[in-house]
PDB file of N, CA and C in Angstrom:
ATOM      1  N   MET A   1      20.868 121.830  93.139  1.00  0.00           N
ATOM      2  CA  MET A   1      21.038 120.471  92.482  1.00  0.00           C
ATOM      3  C   MET A   1      20.029 119.851  93.071  1.00  0.00           C
ATOM      4  N   SER A   2      19.432 118.547  92.716  1.00  0.00           N
ATOM      5  CA  SER A   2      18.758 117.503  92.792  1.00  0.00           C
ATOM      6  C   SER A   2      18.711 116.958  94.269  1.00  0.00           C
ATOM      7  N   TRP A   3      17.617 115.813  94.455  1.00  0.00           N
ATOM      8  CA  TRP A   3      17.919 115.233  95.229  1.00  0.00           C
ATOM      9  C   TRP A   3      19.084 114.273  95.530  1.00  0.00           C
ATOM     10  N   VAL A   4      19.778 113.750  94.469  1.00  0.00           N
ATOM     11  CA  VAL A   4      21.175 112.450  94.658  1.00  0.00           C
ATOM     12  C   VAL A   4      22.795 113.482  95.235  1.00  0.00           C
ATOM     13  N   TYR A   5      22.369 115.071  94.276  1.00  0.00           N
ATOM     14  CA  TYR A   5      24.027 116.024  95.568  1.00  0.00           C
ATOM     15  C   TYR A   5      23.325 115.965  96.802  1.00  0.00           C
ATOM     16  N   LEU A   6      22.253 116.153  97.246  1.00  0.00           N
ATOM     17  CA  LEU A   6      21.566 116.420  98.980  1.00  0.00           C
ATOM     18  C   LEU A   6      21.906 115.652  99.301  1.00  0.00           C
ATOM     19  N   ALA A   7      21.838 113.986  98.890  1.00  0.00           N
ATOM     20  CA  ALA A   7      22.209 112.804  99.525  1.00  0.00           C
ATOM     21  C   ALA A   7      23.495 112.481  99.751  1.00  0.00           C
ATOM     22  N   GLY A   8      24.374 112.857  98.919  1.00  0.00           N
ATOM     23  CA  GLY A   8      25.632 112.376  99.149  1.00  0.00           C
ATOM     24  C   GLY A   8      26.239 113.550  99.714  1.00  0.00           C
ATOM     25  N   VAL A   9      25.918 114.817 100.125  1.00  0.00           N
ATOM     26  CA  VAL A   9      25.431 115.835 100.813  1.00  0.00           C
ATOM     27  C   VAL A   9      25.823 115.182 102.433  1.00  0.00           C
ATOM     28  N   LEU A  10      24.793 114.654 102.785  1.00  0.00           N
ATOM     29  CA  LEU A  10      24.178 114.003 103.861  1.00  0.00           C
ATOM     30  C   LEU A  10      25.208 112.427 104.532  1.00  0.00           C
ATOM     31  N   ILE A  11      26.088 111.819 102.913  1.00  0.00           N
ATOM     32  CA  ILE A  11      26.454 110.724 103.475  1.00  0.00           C
ATOM     33  C   ILE A  11      27.783 111.653 103.697  1.00  0.00           C
ATOM     34  N   ALA A  12      28.464 112.374 103.731  1.00  0.00           N
ATOM     35  CA  ALA A  12      29.171 112.777 103.745  1.00  0.00           C
ATOM     36  C   ALA A  12      29.053 113.497 104.951  1.00  0.00           C
ATOM     37  N   TYR A  13      27.629 114.114 105.422  1.00  0.00           N
ATOM     38  CA  TYR A  13      28.120 114.756 106.979  1.00  0.00           C
ATOM     39  C   TYR A  13      28.286 113.311 107.886  1.00  0.00           C
ATOM     40  N   ALA A  14      27.617 112.667 107.316  1.00  0.00           N
ATOM     41  CA  ALA A  14      27.900 111.327 108.133  1.00  0.00           C
ATOM     42  C   ALA A  14      29.059 110.829 108.481  1.00  0.00           C
ATOM     43  N   LEU A  15      29.442 111.087 107.481  1.00  0.00           N
ATOM     44  CA  LEU A  15      31.528 110.194 107.527  1.00  0.00           C
ATOM     45  C   LEU A  15      32.388 111.719 108.072  1.00  0.00           C
ATOM     46  N   LEU A  16      32.179 112.990 108.019  1.00  0.00           N
ATOM     47  CA  LEU A  16      32.638 113.556 108.831  1.00  0.00           C
ATOM     48  C   LEU A  16      32.192 113.244 110.603  1.00  0.00           C
ATOM     49  N   MET A  17      31.039 113.337 110.687  1.00  0.00           N
ATOM     50  CA  MET A  17      30.981 113.170 112.367  1.00  0.00           C
ATOM     51  C   MET A  17      31.590 112.026 112.830  1.00  0.00           C
ATOM     52  N   TYR A  18      31.339 110.472 111.901  1.00  0.00           N
ATOM     53  CA  TYR A  18      32.214 109.272 112.410  1.00  0.00           C
ATOM     54  C   TYR A  18      33.644 109.737 112.104  1.00  0.00           C
ATOM     55  N   GLU A  19      34.072 110.646 111.603  1.00  0.00           N
ATOM     56  CA  GLU A  19      35.289 111.352 111.653  1.00  0.00           C
ATOM     57  C   GLU A  19      35.622 111.140 113.799  1.00  0.00           C
ATOM     58  N   HIS A  20      34.872 112.262 113.386  1.00  0.00           N
ATOM     59  CA  HIS A  20      35.170 113.348 114.370  1.00  0.00           C
ATOM     60  C   HIS A  20      35.205 112.487 115.856  1.00  0.00           C
ATOM     61  N   LEU A  21      33.647 110.894 116.066  1.00  0.00           N
ATOM     62  CA  LEU A  21      33.451 110.284 116.708  1.00  0.00           C
ATOM     63  C   LEU A  21      34.693 109.032 117.583  1.00  0.00           C
ATOM     64  N   ILE A  22      36.190 108.779 116.409  1.00  0.00           N
ATOM     65  CA  ILE A  22      36.372 107.874 116.531  1.00  0.00           C
ATOM     66  C   ILE A  22      37.408 108.500 117.345  1.00  0.00           C
ATOM     67  N   VAL A  23      38.255 109.721 117.144  1.00  0.00           N
ATOM     68  CA  VAL A  23      38.547 109.712 117.675  1.00  0.00           C
ATOM     69  C   VAL A  23      39.021 110.828 118.304  1.00  0.00           C
ATOM     70  N   LYS A  24      39.758 110.421 119.206  1.00  0.00           N
ATOM     71  CA  LYS A  24      40.367 111.493 121.169  1.00  0.00           C
ATOM     72  C   LYS A  24      40.000 112.210 120.918  1.00  0.00           C
ATOM     73  N   PRO A  25      40.250 113.007 122.474  1.00  0.00           N
ATOM     74  CA  PRO A  25      41.500 113.634 122.506  1.00  0.00           C
ATOM     75  C   PRO A  25      42.863 112.547 123.682  1.00  0.00           C
ATOM     76  N   THR A  26      41.982 112.016 124.345  1.00  0.00           N
ATOM     77  CA  THR A  26      42.826 111.020 124.687  1.00  0.00           C
ATOM     78  C   THR A  26      43.346 109.813 124.444  1.00  0.00           C
ATOM     79  N   ASP A  27      43.082 109.346 122.844  1.00  0.00           N
ATOM     80  CA  ASP A  27      43.216 108.553 122.485  1.00  0.00           C
ATOM     81  C   ASP A  27      43.303 108.338 120.697  1.00  0.00           C
ATOM     82  N   LEU A  28      44.812 108.538 120.647  1.00  0.00           N
ATOM     83  CA  LEU A  28      44.451 109.142 118.755  1.00  0.00           C
ATOM     84  C   LEU A  28      45.237 107.759 118.695  1.00  0.00           C
ATOM     85  N   THR A  29      44.959 106.756 118.724  1.00  0.00           N
ATOM     86  CA  THR A  29      44.953 105.742 117.989  1.00  0.00           C
ATOM     87  C   THR A  29      44.702 105.409 116.001  1.00  0.00           C
ATOM     88  N   ARG A  30      42.777 105.702 116.605  1.00  0.00           N
ATOM     89  CA  ARG A  30      42.676 105.687 115.172  1.00  0.00           C
ATOM     90  C   ARG A  30      42.791 107.206 114.122  1.00  0.00           C
ATOM     91  N   LEU A  31      43.767 108.546 114.420  1.00  0.00           N
ATOM     92  CA  LEU A  31      43.737 109.559 113.454  1.00  0.00           C
ATOM     93  C   LEU A  31      43.886 108.642 112.250  1.00  0.00           C
ATOM     94  N   ASN A  32      45.181 108.131 112.297  1.00  0.00           N
ATOM     95  CA  ASN A  32      45.056 107.595 110.694  1.00  0.00           C
ATOM     96  C   ASN A  32      44.071 107.839 110.016  1.00  0.00           C
ATOM     97  N   THR A  33      43.414 106.135 110.732  1.00  0.00           N
ATOM     98  CA  THR A  33      42.067 105.753 109.898  1.00  0.00           C
ATOM     99  C   THR A  33      41.057 107.525 109.811  1.00  0.00           C
ATOM    100  N   ALA A  34      41.196 107.922 110.360  1.00  0.00           N
ATOM    101  CA  ALA A  34      40.472 108.999 110.462  1.00  0.00           C
ATOM    102  C   ALA A  34      40.614 110.374 109.796  1.00  0.00           C
ATOM    103  N   PHE A  35      41.517 109.760 109.181  1.00  0.00           N
ATOM    104  CA  PHE A  35      42.726 111.249 108.850  1.00  0.00           C
ATOM    105  C   PHE A  35      42.265 111.423 107.168  1.00  0.00           C
ATOM    106  N   PHE A  36      43.222 109.287 106.858  1.00  0.00           N
ATOM    107  CA  PHE A  36      43.412 109.658 105.846  1.00  0.00           C
ATOM    108  C   PHE A  36      42.364 108.255 105.119  1.00  0.00           C
ATOM    109  N   THR A  37      41.603 107.267 105.448  1.00  0.00           N
ATOM    110  CA  THR A  37      40.590 106.325 104.999  1.00  0.00           C
ATOM    111  C   THR A  37      38.791 107.510 105.210  1.00  0.00           C
ATOM    112  N   LEU A  38      39.076 108.081 105.982  1.00  0.00           N
ATOM    113  CA  LEU A  38      37.884 108.466 105.799  1.00  0.00           C
ATOM    114  C   LEU A  38      38.046 110.104 105.265  1.00  0.00           C
ATOM    115  N   ASN A  39      38.669 110.589 105.243  1.00  0.00           N
ATOM    116  CA  ASN A  39      38.714 111.395 103.885  1.00  0.00           C
ATOM    117  C   ASN A  39      38.473 111.447 102.355  1.00  0.00           C
ATOM    118  N   SER A  40      39.545 110.430 102.439  1.00  0.00           N
ATOM    119  CA  SER A  40      39.402 110.364 100.857  1.00  0.00           C
ATOM    120  C   SER A  40      38.420 109.154  99.968  1.00  0.00           C
ATOM    121  N   THR A  41      38.043 108.530 101.374  1.00  0.00           N
ATOM    122  CA  THR A  41      36.284 108.349 101.305  1.00  0.00           C
ATOM    123  C   THR A  41      35.491 109.186 100.951  1.00  0.00           C
ATOM    124  N   LEU A  42      35.855 110.619 102.018  1.00  0.00           N
ATOM    125  CA  LEU A  42      34.657 111.403 102.022  1.00  0.00           C
ATOM    126  C   LEU A  42      35.285 112.330 100.092  1.00  0.00           C
ATOM    127  N   SER A  43      36.013 112.433  99.835  1.00  0.00           N
ATOM    128  CA  SER A  43      36.219 112.665  98.687  1.00  0.00           C
ATOM    129  C   SER A  43      35.636 112.755  97.366  1.00  0.00           C
ATOM    130  N   ILE A  44      35.880 111.292  97.436  1.00  0.00           N
ATOM    131  CA  ILE A  44      35.063 110.230  96.914  1.00  0.00           C
ATOM    132  C   ILE A  44      33.405 111.111  96.692  1.00  0.00           C
ATOM    133  N   VAL A  45      32.649 110.097  98.004  1.00  0.00           N
ATOM    134  CA  VAL A  45      32.076 110.777  97.666  1.00  0.00           C
ATOM    135  C   VAL A  45      30.875 111.926  97.122  1.00  0.00           C
ATOM    136  N   VAL A  46      31.657 112.807  97.343  1.00  0.00           N
ATOM    137  CA  VAL A  46      31.786 113.737  97.124  1.00  0.00           C
ATOM    138  C   VAL A  46      31.620 114.506  95.572  1.00  0.00           C
ATOM    139  N   PHE A  47      32.451 114.357  95.181  1.00  0.00           N
ATOM    140  CA  PHE A  47      32.615 114.116  93.762  1.00  0.00           C
ATOM    141  C   PHE A  47      31.769 113.485  92.785  1.00  0.00           C
ATOM    142  N   LEU A  48      31.633 112.500  92.930  1.00  0.00           N
ATOM    143  CA  LEU A  48      30.810 110.882  92.750  1.00  0.00           C
ATOM    144  C   LEU A  48      29.099 111.277  92.886  1.00  0.00           C
ATOM    145  N   PHE A  49      28.643 112.220  93.603  1.00  0.00           N
ATOM    146  CA  PHE A  49      27.051 112.708  93.590  1.00  0.00           C
ATOM    147  C   PHE A  49      26.952 113.679  93.163  1.00  0.00           C
ATOM    148  N   THR A  50      28.370 114.605  92.526  1.00  0.00           N
ATOM    149  CA  THR A  50      28.258 115.861  92.072  1.00  0.00           C
ATOM    150  C   THR A  50      27.941 115.292  90.832  1.00  0.00           C
ATOM    151  N   LEU A  51      28.546 114.356  90.336  1.00  0.00           N
ATOM    152  CA  LEU A  51      29.048 114.296  89.091  1.00  0.00           C
ATOM    153  C   LEU A  51      27.614 113.394  88.666  1.00  0.00           C
ATOM    154  N   ILE A  52      27.487 112.624  89.020  1.00  0.00           N
ATOM    155  CA  ILE A  52      26.164 112.203  88.797  1.00  0.00           C
ATOM    156  C   ILE A  52      25.238 113.363  89.182  1.00  0.00           C
ATOM    157  N   ASP A  53      24.982 114.145  89.576  1.00  0.00           N
ATOM    158  CA  ASP A  53      24.026 114.855  89.227  1.00  0.00           C
ATOM    159  C   ASP A  53      23.492 115.905  88.300  1.00  0.00           C
ATOM    160  N   LEU A  54      25.170 116.312  88.148  1.00  0.00           N
ATOM    161  CA  LEU A  54      25.371 117.510  87.217  1.00  0.00           C
ATOM    162  C   LEU A  54      25.383 116.099  85.764  1.00  0.00           C
ATOM    163  N   VAL A  55      25.593 115.146  86.168  1.00  0.00           N
ATOM    164  CA  VAL A  55      25.384 114.345  84.281  1.00  0.00           C
ATOM    165  C   VAL A  55      24.341 113.719  84.180  1.00  0.00           C
ATOM    166  N   VAL A  56      23.799 113.399  84.928  1.00  0.00           N
ATOM    167  CA  VAL A  56      21.817 113.316  85.064  1.00  0.00           C
ATOM    168  C   VAL A  56      20.729 114.223  84.758  1.00  0.00           C
ATOM    169  N   PHE A  57      21.177 114.811  85.774  1.00  0.00           N
ATOM    170  CA  PHE A  57      19.424 115.880  85.680  1.00  0.00           C
ATOM    171  C   PHE A  57      19.923 117.384  85.123  1.00  0.00           C
ATOM    172  N   LYS A  58      21.300 117.892  85.114  1.00  0.00           N
ATOM    173  CA  LYS A  58      21.706 118.664  84.435  1.00  0.00           C
ATOM    174  C   LYS A  58      21.754 119.032  82.800  1.00  0.00           C
ATOM    175  N   GLY A  59      21.964 117.259  82.548  1.00  0.00           N
ATOM    176  CA  GLY A  59      23.174 116.914  80.948  1.00  0.00           C
ATOM    177  C   GLY A  59      22.062 116.771  80.100  1.00  0.00           C
TER     178      GLY A  59
END
């Protein structure tokens, strides 16, 4: 995989870390944000960067 895929993995990693930081065991008010919004963003980021890598660099 190329640097584009690696950039997507790093962005996905940052999103996962942010997701874990905003939810505390004593404060679950941001649970919906972490679960629904960030997970959907994460899946789109991984898909797009993988697609770009496959189309541009392997095509």
